[in-house]
Amino acid sequence: MEMENRKHPATRFKIIEGYEDSSHTIQAYTGGSKNDLGVSAGIAIFLDNNLTATLKYRLNGRCTSNQAEQMAIQKEFEYIQYTKSGENQY
């Protein structure tokens, strides 16, 4: 298959977790970066299109931007899991 005919993963997959008694949607955006100032990761979480949390992390300078992104994804899932289980503090 030629590259121009391939779809970006964001257009192919949509993960929806639904419960019959819930009409809420959660959207989470993650990012990881490395530059001369250091390595960091960030998360923005939206509930029903309202920003509900921003999380920021500074990593060891030996980490890569890929590792920062992976950590942000892990922390995003942990945050959503804890808040859905009734924990209000993270």
C-alpha atoms as a PDB file:
ATOM      1  CA  MET A   1       0.000   0.000   0.000  1.00  0.00           C
ATOM      2  CA  GLU A   2       1.359   3.413  -0.904  1.00  0.00           C
ATOM      3  CA  MET A   3       1.969   5.919   1.899  1.00  0.00           C
ATOM      4  CA  GLU A   4      -0.549   8.477   0.608  1.00  0.00           C
ATOM      5  CA  ASN A   5      -3.319   5.860   0.863  1.00  0.00           C
ATOM      6  CA  ARG A   6      -2.639   5.005   4.502  1.00  0.00           C
ATOM      7  CA  LYS A   7      -4.834   6.571   7.124  1.00  0.00           C
ATOM      8  CA  HIS A   8      -3.399   8.221  10.211  1.00  0.00           C
ATOM      9  CA  PRO A   9      -4.087   6.072  13.326  1.00  0.00           C
ATOM     10  CA  ALA A  10      -6.125   8.896  14.867  1.00  0.00           C
ATOM     11  CA  THR A  11      -8.608   8.638  12.015  1.00  0.00           C
ATOM     12  CA  ARG A  12      -8.858   4.849  12.169  1.00  0.00           C
ATOM     13  CA  PHE A  13      -9.413   4.259  15.863  1.00  0.00           C
ATOM     14  CA  LYS A  14     -11.881   5.701  18.279  1.00  0.00           C
ATOM     15  CA  ILE A  15     -11.965   4.260  21.756  1.00  0.00           C
ATOM     16  CA  ILE A  16     -15.297   4.624  23.452  1.00  0.00           C
ATOM     17  CA  GLU A  17     -16.007   3.248  26.883  1.00  0.00           C
ATOM     18  CA  GLY A  18     -19.670   3.468  27.552  1.00  0.00           C
ATOM     19  CA  TYR A  19     -22.045   2.657  30.300  1.00  0.00           C
ATOM     20  CA  GLU A  20     -25.783   2.761  29.908  1.00  0.00           C
ATOM     21  CA  ASP A  21     -26.132   5.172  32.831  1.00  0.00           C
ATOM     22  CA  SER A  22     -23.378   7.560  31.686  1.00  0.00           C
ATOM     23  CA  SER A  23     -23.487  10.302  29.118  1.00  0.00           C
ATOM     24  CA  HIS A  24     -20.016  11.733  29.861  1.00  0.00           C
ATOM     25  CA  THR A  25     -17.087  11.777  27.489  1.00  0.00           C
ATOM     26  CA  ILE A  26     -13.434  11.910  28.517  1.00  0.00           C
ATOM     27  CA  GLN A  27     -10.739  13.257  26.220  1.00  0.00           C
ATOM     28  CA  ALA A  28      -7.072  13.224  27.215  1.00  0.00           C
ATOM     29  CA  TYR A  29      -4.128  14.793  25.424  1.00  0.00           C
ATOM     30  CA  THR A  30      -0.526  13.929  26.244  1.00  0.00           C
ATOM     31  CA  GLY A  31       2.849  15.269  25.280  1.00  0.00           C
ATOM     32  CA  GLY A  32       6.497  14.630  26.015  1.00  0.00           C
ATOM     33  CA  SER A  33       9.492  16.741  25.095  1.00  0.00           C
ATOM     34  CA  LYS A  34      13.219  17.104  25.572  1.00  0.00           C
ATOM     35  CA  ASN A  35      15.257  20.249  25.023  1.00  0.00           C
ATOM     36  CA  ASP A  36      18.171  22.166  26.583  1.00  0.00           C
ATOM     37  CA  LEU A  37      16.030  22.953  29.644  1.00  0.00           C
ATOM     38  CA  GLY A  38      15.256  19.302  30.388  1.00  0.00           C
ATOM     39  CA  VAL A  39      12.725  16.526  29.824  1.00  0.00           C
ATOM     40  CA  SER A  40       9.056  16.968  30.649  1.00  0.00           C
ATOM     41  CA  ALA A  41       5.640  15.463  30.115  1.00  0.00           C
ATOM     42  CA  GLY A  42       2.189  16.976  30.281  1.00  0.00           C
ATOM     43  CA  ILE A  43      -1.435  15.898  30.240  1.00  0.00           C
ATOM     44  CA  ALA A  44      -4.709  17.763  29.679  1.00  0.00           C
ATOM     45  CA  ILE A  45      -7.942  15.963  30.553  1.00  0.00           C
ATOM     46  CA  PHE A  46     -11.372  17.120  29.432  1.00  0.00           C
ATOM     47  CA  LEU A  47     -14.714  15.884  30.726  1.00  0.00           C
ATOM     48  CA  ASP A  48     -17.637  16.778  28.475  1.00  0.00           C
ATOM     49  CA  ASN A  49     -15.433  19.302  26.626  1.00  0.00           C
ATOM     50  CA  ASN A  50     -14.475  21.081  29.885  1.00  0.00           C
ATOM     51  CA  LEU A  51     -10.848  21.118  30.995  1.00  0.00           C
ATOM     52  CA  THR A  52     -10.831  19.299  34.327  1.00  0.00           C
ATOM     53  CA  ALA A  53      -7.127  18.594  34.959  1.00  0.00           C
ATOM     54  CA  THR A  54      -3.661  19.490  33.776  1.00  0.00           C
ATOM     55  CA  LEU A  55      -0.743  17.410  34.995  1.00  0.00           C
ATOM     56  CA  LYS A  56       2.932  18.260  34.510  1.00  0.00           C
ATOM     57  CA  TYR A  57       5.993  16.120  35.164  1.00  0.00           C
ATOM     58  CA  ARG A  58       9.738  16.734  35.001  1.00  0.00           C
ATOM     59  CA  LEU A  59      11.841  13.680  34.193  1.00  0.00           C
ATOM     60  CA  ASN A  60      15.500  12.856  34.606  1.00  0.00           C
ATOM     61  CA  GLY A  61      17.603  14.551  31.929  1.00  0.00           C
ATOM     62  CA  ARG A  62      18.795  11.175  30.633  1.00  0.00           C
ATOM     63  CA  CYS A  63      15.253  10.265  29.514  1.00  0.00           C
ATOM     64  CA  THR A  64      14.218  10.621  25.892  1.00  0.00           C
ATOM     65  CA  SER A  65      11.192  12.504  24.590  1.00  0.00           C
ATOM     66  CA  ASN A  66       9.710   9.115  23.697  1.00  0.00           C
ATOM     67  CA  GLN A  67      10.024   7.984  27.307  1.00  0.00           C
ATOM     68  CA  ALA A  68       8.391  11.232  28.452  1.00  0.00           C
ATOM     69  CA  GLU A  69       5.472  10.644  26.091  1.00  0.00           C
ATOM     70  CA  GLN A  70       5.081   7.058  27.303  1.00  0.00           C
ATOM     71  CA  MET A  71       5.085   8.192  30.912  1.00  0.00           C
ATOM     72  CA  ALA A  72       2.430  10.815  30.139  1.00  0.00           C
ATOM     73  CA  ILE A  73       0.210   8.126  28.612  1.00  0.00           C
ATOM     74  CA  GLN A  74       0.687   5.889  31.662  1.00  0.00           C
ATOM     75  CA  LYS A  75      -0.081   8.756  34.076  1.00  0.00           C
ATOM     76  CA  GLU A  76      -3.158   9.677  32.018  1.00  0.00           C
ATOM     77  CA  PHE A  77      -4.588   6.180  32.398  1.00  0.00           C
ATOM     78  CA  GLU A  78      -3.765   6.122  36.103  1.00  0.00           C
ATOM     79  CA  TYR A  79      -5.469   9.494  36.640  1.00  0.00           C
ATOM     80  CA  ILE A  80      -8.614   8.426  34.794  1.00  0.00           C
ATOM     81  CA  GLN A  81      -8.704   5.102  36.636  1.00  0.00           C
ATOM     82  CA  TYR A  82      -8.362   6.744  40.066  1.00  0.00           C
ATOM     83  CA  THR A  83     -10.898   9.479  39.397  1.00  0.00           C
ATOM     84  CA  LYS A  84     -13.430   6.998  38.010  1.00  0.00           C
ATOM     85  CA  SER A  85     -12.992   4.752  41.034  1.00  0.00           C
ATOM     86  CA  GLY A  86     -13.997   7.563  43.397  1.00  0.00           C
ATOM     87  CA  GLU A  87     -10.588   8.944  44.301  1.00  0.00           C
ATOM     88  CA  ASN A  88     -10.666  12.733  43.976  1.00  0.00           C
ATOM     89  CA  GLN A  89      -6.991  13.329  44.753  1.00  0.00           C
ATOM     90  CA  TYR A  90      -4.165  12.143  42.551  1.00  0.00           C
END
